[in-house]
């Protein structure tokens, strides 16, 4: 399966929120909300909030997308992803994601090549 790389380097095609949205899978929405509540220490995440087609695609977005620093920075700079930015490896905004998901940085580095 071809990767669908988000601004930060995450592969949207492997994201449970996108999979639940594309397949209209309410059970996966529920499981994802519960997982994210624990992982992000965010009890306010509900299954109803789990709707996303990908941060660079038309359609539904997770509520966080509108305030996502990475996405907003990429859009403000006129880039497609962080791979277009010369500050990728030193950026304090996106490195917090890459600490938890190193594959996201690898995806961005692949886009550079």
N, C-alpha and C. Protein backbone atom coordinates (compact mmCIF):
# COMPACT_ATOMS: atom_id res chain seq x y z
N UNK A 1 0.84 -1.18 0.00
CA UNK A 1 0.00 0.00 0.00
C UNK A 1 0.89 1.25 0.00
N UNK A 2 0.57 2.17 -0.85
CA UNK A 2 1.32 3.42 -0.91
C UNK A 2 1.07 4.25 0.34
N UNK A 3 2.10 4.93 0.80
CA UNK A 3 1.98 5.76 1.99
C UNK A 3 1.26 7.06 1.67
N UNK A 4 0.52 7.56 2.64
CA UNK A 4 -0.12 8.88 2.56
C UNK A 4 0.47 9.69 3.72
N UNK A 5 1.48 10.49 3.42
CA UNK A 5 2.25 11.14 4.46
C UNK A 5 1.63 12.48 4.87
N UNK A 6 1.41 12.60 6.18
CA UNK A 6 0.88 13.82 6.77
C UNK A 6 1.99 14.87 6.88
N UNK A 7 1.63 16.07 7.24
CA UNK A 7 2.61 17.16 7.38
C UNK A 7 3.79 16.75 8.25
N UNK A 8 3.54 16.04 9.34
CA UNK A 8 4.56 15.68 10.31
C UNK A 8 5.31 14.41 9.95
N UNK A 9 4.83 13.68 8.95
CA UNK A 9 5.49 12.45 8.54
C UNK A 9 4.73 11.19 8.89
N UNK A 10 3.68 11.30 9.70
CA UNK A 10 2.88 10.12 10.00
C UNK A 10 2.25 9.59 8.72
N UNK A 11 2.08 8.29 8.63
CA UNK A 11 1.45 7.67 7.47
C UNK A 11 -0.05 7.55 7.75
N UNK A 12 -0.84 8.39 7.13
CA UNK A 12 -2.29 8.41 7.36
C UNK A 12 -2.95 7.07 7.03
N UNK A 13 -2.37 6.33 6.09
CA UNK A 13 -2.97 5.04 5.72
C UNK A 13 -2.91 4.01 6.83
N UNK A 14 -2.05 4.23 7.83
CA UNK A 14 -1.96 3.31 8.96
C UNK A 14 -2.61 3.88 10.22
N UNK A 15 -3.19 5.05 10.12
CA UNK A 15 -3.80 5.72 11.28
C UNK A 15 -5.21 5.16 11.53
N UNK A 16 -5.43 4.73 12.77
CA UNK A 16 -6.73 4.16 13.12
C UNK A 16 -7.88 5.15 12.91
N UNK A 17 -7.64 6.44 13.11
CA UNK A 17 -8.70 7.43 12.90
C UNK A 17 -9.12 7.47 11.43
N UNK A 18 -8.14 7.47 10.54
CA UNK A 18 -8.46 7.48 9.11
C UNK A 18 -9.12 6.18 8.68
N UNK A 19 -8.59 5.06 9.17
CA UNK A 19 -9.17 3.76 8.82
C UNK A 19 -10.62 3.68 9.29
N UNK A 20 -10.88 4.15 10.51
CA UNK A 20 -12.25 4.14 11.04
C UNK A 20 -13.16 5.03 10.21
N UNK A 21 -12.64 6.17 9.77
CA UNK A 21 -13.44 7.09 8.96
C UNK A 21 -13.75 6.50 7.59
N UNK A 22 -12.73 6.00 6.92
CA UNK A 22 -12.90 5.46 5.58
C UNK A 22 -13.86 4.26 5.59
N UNK A 23 -13.75 3.43 6.63
CA UNK A 23 -14.59 2.23 6.72
C UNK A 23 -15.87 2.44 7.54
N UNK A 24 -16.08 3.66 8.02
CA UNK A 24 -17.23 3.98 8.87
C UNK A 24 -17.38 2.93 9.98
N UNK A 25 -16.28 2.71 10.70
CA UNK A 25 -16.17 1.67 11.71
C UNK A 25 -16.29 2.27 13.11
N UNK A 26 -17.49 2.24 13.66
CA UNK A 26 -17.74 2.83 14.98
C UNK A 26 -17.00 2.11 16.10
N UNK A 27 -16.81 0.81 15.97
CA UNK A 27 -16.06 0.08 17.00
C UNK A 27 -14.60 0.53 17.03
N UNK A 28 -14.00 0.70 15.85
CA UNK A 28 -12.61 1.19 15.80
C UNK A 28 -12.53 2.62 16.32
N UNK A 29 -13.54 3.44 16.05
CA UNK A 29 -13.57 4.79 16.62
C UNK A 29 -13.53 4.73 18.14
N UNK A 30 -14.33 3.84 18.71
CA UNK A 30 -14.41 3.71 20.16
C UNK A 30 -13.06 3.25 20.72
N UNK A 31 -12.47 2.23 20.13
CA UNK A 31 -11.18 1.71 20.58
C UNK A 31 -10.10 2.78 20.45
N UNK A 32 -10.10 3.49 19.35
CA UNK A 32 -9.11 4.55 19.12
C UNK A 32 -9.25 5.66 20.14
N UNK A 33 -10.47 6.08 20.42
CA UNK A 33 -10.70 7.12 21.42
C UNK A 33 -10.17 6.68 22.78
N UNK A 34 -10.45 5.47 23.15
CA UNK A 34 -9.97 4.96 24.44
C UNK A 34 -8.44 4.91 24.49
N UNK A 35 -7.83 4.46 23.40
CA UNK A 35 -6.37 4.39 23.32
C UNK A 35 -5.76 5.79 23.40
N UNK A 36 -6.32 6.74 22.66
CA UNK A 36 -5.79 8.10 22.65
C UNK A 36 -6.02 8.80 23.98
N UNK A 37 -7.12 8.50 24.65
CA UNK A 37 -7.35 9.09 25.98
C UNK A 37 -6.19 8.75 26.91
N UNK A 38 -5.77 7.50 26.87
CA UNK A 38 -4.66 7.06 27.73
C UNK A 38 -3.33 7.62 27.23
N UNK A 39 -3.06 7.47 25.96
CA UNK A 39 -1.76 7.86 25.40
C UNK A 39 -1.52 9.36 25.55
N UNK A 40 -2.55 10.16 25.27
CA UNK A 40 -2.41 11.62 25.30
C UNK A 40 -2.89 12.23 26.62
N UNK A 41 -3.31 11.36 27.56
CA UNK A 41 -3.85 11.83 28.84
C UNK A 41 -4.93 12.89 28.58
N UNK A 42 -5.87 12.51 27.72
CA UNK A 42 -6.92 13.44 27.28
C UNK A 42 -8.27 12.76 27.37
N UNK A 43 -8.88 12.85 28.53
CA UNK A 43 -10.16 12.17 28.77
C UNK A 43 -11.29 12.71 27.90
N UNK A 44 -11.10 13.87 27.30
CA UNK A 44 -12.15 14.48 26.49
C UNK A 44 -12.31 13.91 25.09
N UNK A 45 -11.42 13.02 24.70
CA UNK A 45 -11.51 12.42 23.36
C UNK A 45 -12.62 11.38 23.37
N UNK A 46 -13.55 11.56 22.44
CA UNK A 46 -14.68 10.62 22.34
C UNK A 46 -14.67 9.93 20.98
N UNK A 47 -15.39 8.84 20.90
CA UNK A 47 -15.49 8.11 19.63
C UNK A 47 -16.06 8.99 18.53
N UNK A 48 -16.96 9.89 18.88
CA UNK A 48 -17.57 10.78 17.89
C UNK A 48 -16.56 11.74 17.28
N UNK A 49 -15.45 11.97 17.97
CA UNK A 49 -14.42 12.88 17.48
C UNK A 49 -13.47 12.20 16.49
N UNK A 50 -13.53 10.89 16.41
CA UNK A 50 -12.59 10.13 15.57
C UNK A 50 -13.13 10.08 14.14
N UNK A 51 -12.84 11.14 13.41
CA UNK A 51 -13.20 11.27 12.00
C UNK A 51 -12.11 12.07 11.31
N UNK A 52 -11.41 11.43 10.39
CA UNK A 52 -10.33 12.12 9.69
C UNK A 52 -10.04 11.41 8.38
N UNK A 53 -9.89 12.18 7.33
CA UNK A 53 -9.52 11.62 6.03
C UNK A 53 -8.03 11.81 5.74
N UNK A 54 -7.34 12.49 6.64
CA UNK A 54 -5.92 12.79 6.48
C UNK A 54 -5.71 14.28 6.48
N UNK A 55 -4.65 14.75 7.11
CA UNK A 55 -4.51 16.20 7.32
C UNK A 55 -4.31 16.98 6.02
N UNK A 56 -3.91 16.31 4.96
CA UNK A 56 -3.70 17.01 3.68
C UNK A 56 -4.79 16.70 2.66
N UNK A 57 -5.76 15.93 3.06
CA UNK A 57 -6.83 15.51 2.15
C UNK A 57 -8.10 16.31 2.43
N UNK A 58 -8.95 16.40 1.45
CA UNK A 58 -10.26 17.01 1.63
C UNK A 58 -11.08 16.13 2.57
N UNK A 59 -11.96 16.72 3.31
CA UNK A 59 -12.86 15.94 4.14
C UNK A 59 -12.65 16.16 5.62
N UNK A 60 -13.18 15.25 6.39
CA UNK A 60 -13.21 15.36 7.86
C UNK A 60 -11.79 15.43 8.44
N UNK A 61 -11.69 16.15 9.55
CA UNK A 61 -10.44 16.28 10.29
C UNK A 61 -10.74 16.10 11.77
N UNK A 62 -9.75 15.57 12.49
CA UNK A 62 -9.81 15.52 13.94
C UNK A 62 -9.81 16.98 14.42
N UNK A 63 -10.51 17.28 15.50
CA UNK A 63 -10.60 18.65 16.00
C UNK A 63 -9.22 19.27 16.22
N UNK A 64 -8.27 18.47 16.62
CA UNK A 64 -6.92 18.96 16.89
C UNK A 64 -6.25 19.55 15.64
N UNK A 65 -6.63 19.12 14.46
CA UNK A 65 -5.97 19.57 13.23
C UNK A 65 -5.96 21.09 13.09
N UNK A 66 -7.01 21.74 13.49
CA UNK A 66 -7.07 23.20 13.33
C UNK A 66 -6.07 23.91 14.23
N UNK A 67 -5.66 23.26 15.31
CA UNK A 67 -4.69 23.88 16.21
C UNK A 67 -3.33 23.20 16.19
N UNK A 68 -3.15 22.24 15.31
CA UNK A 68 -1.89 21.50 15.23
C UNK A 68 -0.77 22.44 14.78
N UNK A 69 0.23 22.61 15.64
CA UNK A 69 1.34 23.51 15.33
C UNK A 69 2.10 23.09 14.08
N UNK A 70 2.28 21.80 13.91
CA UNK A 70 3.02 21.29 12.75
C UNK A 70 2.26 21.62 11.48
N UNK A 71 1.00 21.24 11.44
CA UNK A 71 0.17 21.48 10.24
C UNK A 71 0.08 22.97 9.93
N UNK A 72 -0.15 23.79 10.96
CA UNK A 72 -0.27 25.23 10.75
C UNK A 72 1.04 25.84 10.25
N UNK A 73 2.17 25.34 10.74
CA UNK A 73 3.47 25.82 10.28
C UNK A 73 3.70 25.46 8.81
N UNK A 74 3.41 24.22 8.46
CA UNK A 74 3.58 23.76 7.08
C UNK A 74 2.72 24.60 6.13
N UNK A 75 1.48 24.81 6.51
CA UNK A 75 0.57 25.60 5.67
C UNK A 75 1.06 27.04 5.56
N UNK A 76 1.48 27.63 6.68
CA UNK A 76 1.95 29.02 6.67
C UNK A 76 3.17 29.21 5.78
N UNK A 77 4.03 28.20 5.75
CA UNK A 77 5.25 28.29 4.93
C UNK A 77 5.01 27.88 3.48
N UNK A 78 3.80 27.40 3.17
CA UNK A 78 3.48 27.01 1.81
C UNK A 78 4.08 25.67 1.41
N UNK A 79 4.41 24.84 2.39
CA UNK A 79 4.98 23.52 2.12
C UNK A 79 3.89 22.47 2.04
N UNK A 80 4.26 21.31 1.53
CA UNK A 80 3.35 20.16 1.53
C UNK A 80 3.51 19.38 2.83
N UNK A 81 4.76 19.16 3.24
CA UNK A 81 5.08 18.48 4.50
C UNK A 81 6.32 19.13 5.09
N UNK A 82 6.70 18.69 6.27
CA UNK A 82 7.92 19.17 6.91
C UNK A 82 9.17 18.78 6.12
N UNK A 83 9.05 17.82 5.22
CA UNK A 83 10.22 17.42 4.41
C UNK A 83 10.72 18.57 3.54
N UNK A 84 9.87 19.52 3.26
CA UNK A 84 10.25 20.66 2.42
C UNK A 84 11.02 21.73 3.20
N UNK A 85 11.09 21.58 4.52
CA UNK A 85 11.68 22.62 5.38
C UNK A 85 13.13 22.30 5.70
N UNK A 86 13.97 23.28 5.62
CA UNK A 86 15.38 23.13 5.94
C UNK A 86 15.64 22.89 7.42
N UNK A 87 14.66 23.15 8.26
CA UNK A 87 14.81 22.98 9.71
C UNK A 87 14.28 21.63 10.21
N UNK A 88 13.96 20.72 9.31
CA UNK A 88 13.32 19.46 9.68
C UNK A 88 13.98 18.76 10.86
N UNK A 89 15.27 18.53 10.81
CA UNK A 89 15.92 17.73 11.85
C UNK A 89 16.16 18.51 13.15
N UNK A 90 16.05 19.82 13.12
CA UNK A 90 16.26 20.61 14.33
C UNK A 90 14.99 21.26 14.86
N UNK A 91 13.90 21.11 14.16
CA UNK A 91 12.65 21.78 14.51
C UNK A 91 12.10 21.26 15.84
N UNK A 92 11.85 22.18 16.75
CA UNK A 92 11.32 21.81 18.07
C UNK A 92 9.84 21.46 18.01
N UNK A 93 9.15 21.90 16.98
CA UNK A 93 7.72 21.61 16.88
C UNK A 93 7.49 20.15 16.50
N UNK A 94 8.14 19.68 15.47
CA UNK A 94 7.86 18.34 14.96
C UNK A 94 8.68 17.25 15.65
N UNK A 95 9.79 17.59 16.30
CA UNK A 95 10.62 16.55 16.92
C UNK A 95 9.89 15.84 18.06
N UNK A 96 8.92 16.50 18.68
CA UNK A 96 8.17 15.82 19.75
C UNK A 96 7.39 14.63 19.19
N UNK A 97 6.93 14.74 17.97
CA UNK A 97 6.24 13.62 17.32
C UNK A 97 7.25 12.54 16.95
N UNK A 98 8.38 12.95 16.42
CA UNK A 98 9.38 11.99 15.95
C UNK A 98 10.00 11.20 17.10
N UNK A 99 10.01 11.76 18.31
CA UNK A 99 10.50 11.02 19.48
C UNK A 99 9.62 9.80 19.75
N UNK A 100 8.33 9.96 19.54
CA UNK A 100 7.38 8.87 19.80
C UNK A 100 7.15 7.97 18.59
N UNK A 101 7.31 8.55 17.39
CA UNK A 101 7.08 7.79 16.15
C UNK A 101 8.24 8.06 15.19
N UNK A 102 9.37 7.37 15.40
CA UNK A 102 10.54 7.60 14.54
C UNK A 102 10.28 7.35 13.06
N UNK A 103 9.32 6.48 12.75
CA UNK A 103 9.00 6.22 11.34
C UNK A 103 8.51 7.49 10.64
N UNK A 104 7.93 8.41 11.39
CA UNK A 104 7.44 9.66 10.80
C UNK A 104 8.61 10.46 10.23
N UNK A 105 9.70 10.52 10.97
CA UNK A 105 10.89 11.22 10.46
C UNK A 105 11.45 10.47 9.25
N UNK A 106 11.49 9.15 9.32
CA UNK A 106 11.97 8.36 8.18
C UNK A 106 11.13 8.63 6.93
N UNK A 107 9.82 8.72 7.11
CA UNK A 107 8.93 9.01 5.97
C UNK A 107 9.27 10.37 5.35
N UNK A 108 9.53 11.35 6.19
CA UNK A 108 9.87 12.69 5.68
C UNK A 108 11.21 12.68 4.98
N UNK A 109 12.16 11.94 5.51
CA UNK A 109 13.48 11.87 4.88
C UNK A 109 13.36 11.17 3.52
N UNK A 110 12.51 10.17 3.41
CA UNK A 110 12.28 9.50 2.12
C UNK A 110 11.70 10.47 1.10
N UNK A 111 10.81 11.35 1.55
CA UNK A 111 10.23 12.33 0.63
C UNK A 111 11.29 13.29 0.09
N UNK A 112 12.31 13.53 0.87
CA UNK A 112 13.40 14.43 0.44
C UNK A 112 14.22 13.82 -0.69
N UNK A 113 14.27 12.51 -0.74
CA UNK A 113 15.12 11.83 -1.74
C UNK A 113 14.43 11.68 -3.07
